[in-house]
Amino acid sequence: MAYIVKSAVRGLIKGMRASEDFFNELDALIKRRCKRAVDRAKGNGRKTLRGVDV
């Protein structure tokens, strides 16, 4: 499952090309960060994610 929108990322990296493995790693990074944020929020007794959790 993809977590990022490739066209939006391409808009950020104008003038550069990105390989498929770049997008795969970016997706994996987003997945890890979200899981860590969820764990942190739960650890603090919250059900709402906040910027500080990232």
N, C-alpha and C. Protein backbone atom coordinates (compact mmCIF):
# COMPACT_ATOMS: atom_id res chain seq x y z
N MET A 1 0.85 -1.18 0.00
CA MET A 1 0.00 0.00 0.00
C MET A 1 0.90 1.25 0.00
N ALA A 2 0.62 2.15 -0.87
CA ALA A 2 1.39 3.39 -0.95
C ALA A 2 0.79 4.43 0.00
N TYR A 3 1.68 5.12 0.71
CA TYR A 3 1.25 6.13 1.67
C TYR A 3 1.49 7.55 1.16
N ILE A 4 2.22 7.67 0.08
CA ILE A 4 2.53 8.99 -0.46
C ILE A 4 1.92 9.15 -1.84
N VAL A 5 1.77 10.38 -2.26
CA VAL A 5 1.28 10.70 -3.60
C VAL A 5 2.51 11.08 -4.43
N LYS A 6 2.85 10.21 -5.36
CA LYS A 6 4.08 10.40 -6.14
C LYS A 6 4.08 11.73 -6.89
N SER A 7 2.96 12.13 -7.42
CA SER A 7 2.93 13.38 -8.18
C SER A 7 3.21 14.57 -7.27
N ALA A 8 2.77 14.52 -6.02
CA ALA A 8 3.05 15.61 -5.08
C ALA A 8 4.53 15.65 -4.73
N VAL A 9 5.13 14.47 -4.55
CA VAL A 9 6.57 14.42 -4.27
C VAL A 9 7.36 14.92 -5.46
N ARG A 10 6.96 14.53 -6.65
CA ARG A 10 7.64 15.01 -7.85
C ARG A 10 7.58 16.53 -7.95
N GLY A 11 6.47 17.11 -7.49
CA GLY A 11 6.35 18.56 -7.47
C GLY A 11 7.35 19.21 -6.52
N LEU A 12 7.70 18.50 -5.45
CA LEU A 12 8.68 19.02 -4.49
C LEU A 12 10.11 18.91 -4.99
N ILE A 13 10.36 17.92 -5.84
CA ILE A 13 11.73 17.67 -6.29
C ILE A 13 11.92 18.08 -7.75
N LYS A 14 11.27 19.15 -8.13
CA LYS A 14 11.34 19.63 -9.51
C LYS A 14 12.77 19.65 -10.02
N GLY A 15 12.93 19.21 -11.24
CA GLY A 15 14.25 19.18 -11.86
C GLY A 15 15.04 17.92 -11.55
N MET A 16 14.52 17.09 -10.65
CA MET A 16 15.19 15.84 -10.28
C MET A 16 14.31 14.68 -10.66
N ARG A 17 14.92 13.56 -10.89
CA ARG A 17 14.18 12.33 -11.14
C ARG A 17 14.24 11.48 -9.89
N ALA A 18 13.27 10.62 -9.71
CA ALA A 18 13.24 9.74 -8.54
C ALA A 18 12.97 8.31 -9.01
N SER A 19 13.79 7.40 -8.52
CA SER A 19 13.61 5.99 -8.87
C SER A 19 12.51 5.37 -8.02
N GLU A 20 12.08 4.20 -8.43
CA GLU A 20 11.02 3.50 -7.70
C GLU A 20 11.47 3.16 -6.28
N ASP A 21 12.76 2.82 -6.13
CA ASP A 21 13.22 2.48 -4.78
C ASP A 21 13.22 3.71 -3.86
N PHE A 22 13.36 4.91 -4.42
CA PHE A 22 13.23 6.13 -3.62
C PHE A 22 11.82 6.20 -3.03
N PHE A 23 10.81 5.98 -3.87
CA PHE A 23 9.42 6.03 -3.40
C PHE A 23 9.14 4.90 -2.40
N ASN A 24 9.72 3.73 -2.63
CA ASN A 24 9.54 2.62 -1.68
C ASN A 24 10.12 2.96 -0.32
N GLU A 25 11.31 3.56 -0.30
CA GLU A 25 11.93 3.95 0.96
C GLU A 25 11.15 5.06 1.64
N LEU A 26 10.64 5.99 0.86
CA LEU A 26 9.84 7.08 1.41
C LEU A 26 8.56 6.55 2.05
N ASP A 27 7.91 5.60 1.38
CA ASP A 27 6.73 4.94 1.95
C ASP A 27 7.07 4.24 3.26
N ALA A 28 8.20 3.52 3.28
CA ALA A 28 8.61 2.80 4.49
C ALA A 28 8.89 3.78 5.63
N LEU A 29 9.49 4.92 5.30
CA LEU A 29 9.77 5.93 6.32
C LEU A 29 8.48 6.49 6.91
N ILE A 30 7.51 6.78 6.05
CA ILE A 30 6.22 7.29 6.52
C ILE A 30 5.54 6.26 7.42
N LYS A 31 5.59 5.00 7.02
CA LYS A 31 4.96 3.94 7.82
C LYS A 31 5.61 3.85 9.20
N ARG A 32 6.95 3.89 9.26
CA ARG A 32 7.65 3.81 10.55
C ARG A 32 7.33 5.02 11.42
N ARG A 33 7.34 6.20 10.83
CA ARG A 33 7.07 7.42 11.60
C ARG A 33 5.65 7.42 12.15
N CYS A 34 4.70 6.98 11.36
CA CYS A 34 3.30 6.94 11.83
C CYS A 34 3.15 5.94 12.96
N LYS A 35 3.77 4.78 12.82
CA LYS A 35 3.68 3.77 13.89
C LYS A 35 4.30 4.31 15.17
N ARG A 36 5.44 4.97 15.06
CA ARG A 36 6.09 5.53 16.24
C ARG A 36 5.23 6.62 16.87
N ALA A 37 4.58 7.44 16.05
CA ALA A 37 3.71 8.49 16.57
C ALA A 37 2.51 7.89 17.30
N VAL A 38 1.93 6.86 16.73
CA VAL A 38 0.80 6.18 17.38
C VAL A 38 1.23 5.60 18.72
N ASP A 39 2.37 4.93 18.74
CA ASP A 39 2.87 4.34 19.99
C ASP A 39 3.11 5.41 21.05
N ARG A 40 3.66 6.55 20.64
CA ARG A 40 3.95 7.63 21.58
C ARG A 40 2.65 8.22 22.14
N ALA A 41 1.69 8.44 21.26
CA ALA A 41 0.40 9.00 21.71
C ALA A 41 -0.29 8.03 22.67
N LYS A 42 -0.31 6.76 22.32
CA LYS A 42 -0.92 5.76 23.21
C LYS A 42 -0.20 5.71 24.54
N GLY A 43 1.12 5.80 24.50
CA GLY A 43 1.91 5.79 25.73
C GLY A 43 1.60 6.97 26.63
N ASN A 44 1.14 8.05 26.02
CA ASN A 44 0.76 9.24 26.79
C ASN A 44 -0.74 9.29 27.07
N GLY A 45 -1.44 8.19 26.80
CA GLY A 45 -2.86 8.11 27.11
C GLY A 45 -3.74 8.93 26.19
N ARG A 46 -3.26 9.19 24.97
CA ARG A 46 -4.05 9.99 24.02
C ARG A 46 -4.47 9.14 22.83
N LYS A 47 -5.58 9.53 22.21
CA LYS A 47 -6.03 8.92 20.97
C LYS A 47 -5.87 9.88 19.80
N THR A 48 -5.34 11.06 20.08
CA THR A 48 -5.13 12.07 19.05
C THR A 48 -3.63 12.24 18.82
N LEU A 49 -3.23 12.12 17.56
CA LEU A 49 -1.82 12.35 17.21
C LEU A 49 -1.58 13.85 17.11
N ARG A 50 -0.41 14.27 17.61
CA ARG A 50 -0.03 15.67 17.55
C ARG A 50 1.34 15.77 16.89
N GLY A 51 1.69 16.95 16.47
CA GLY A 51 2.98 17.16 15.82
C GLY A 51 4.15 16.68 16.66
N VAL A 52 4.05 16.85 17.94
CA VAL A 52 5.11 16.45 18.84
C VAL A 52 5.34 14.93 18.81
N ASP A 53 4.34 14.17 18.41
CA ASP A 53 4.47 12.70 18.34
C ASP A 53 5.34 12.27 17.18
N VAL A 54 5.45 13.12 16.17
CA VAL A 54 6.27 12.78 15.01
C VAL A 54 7.72 13.00 15.36
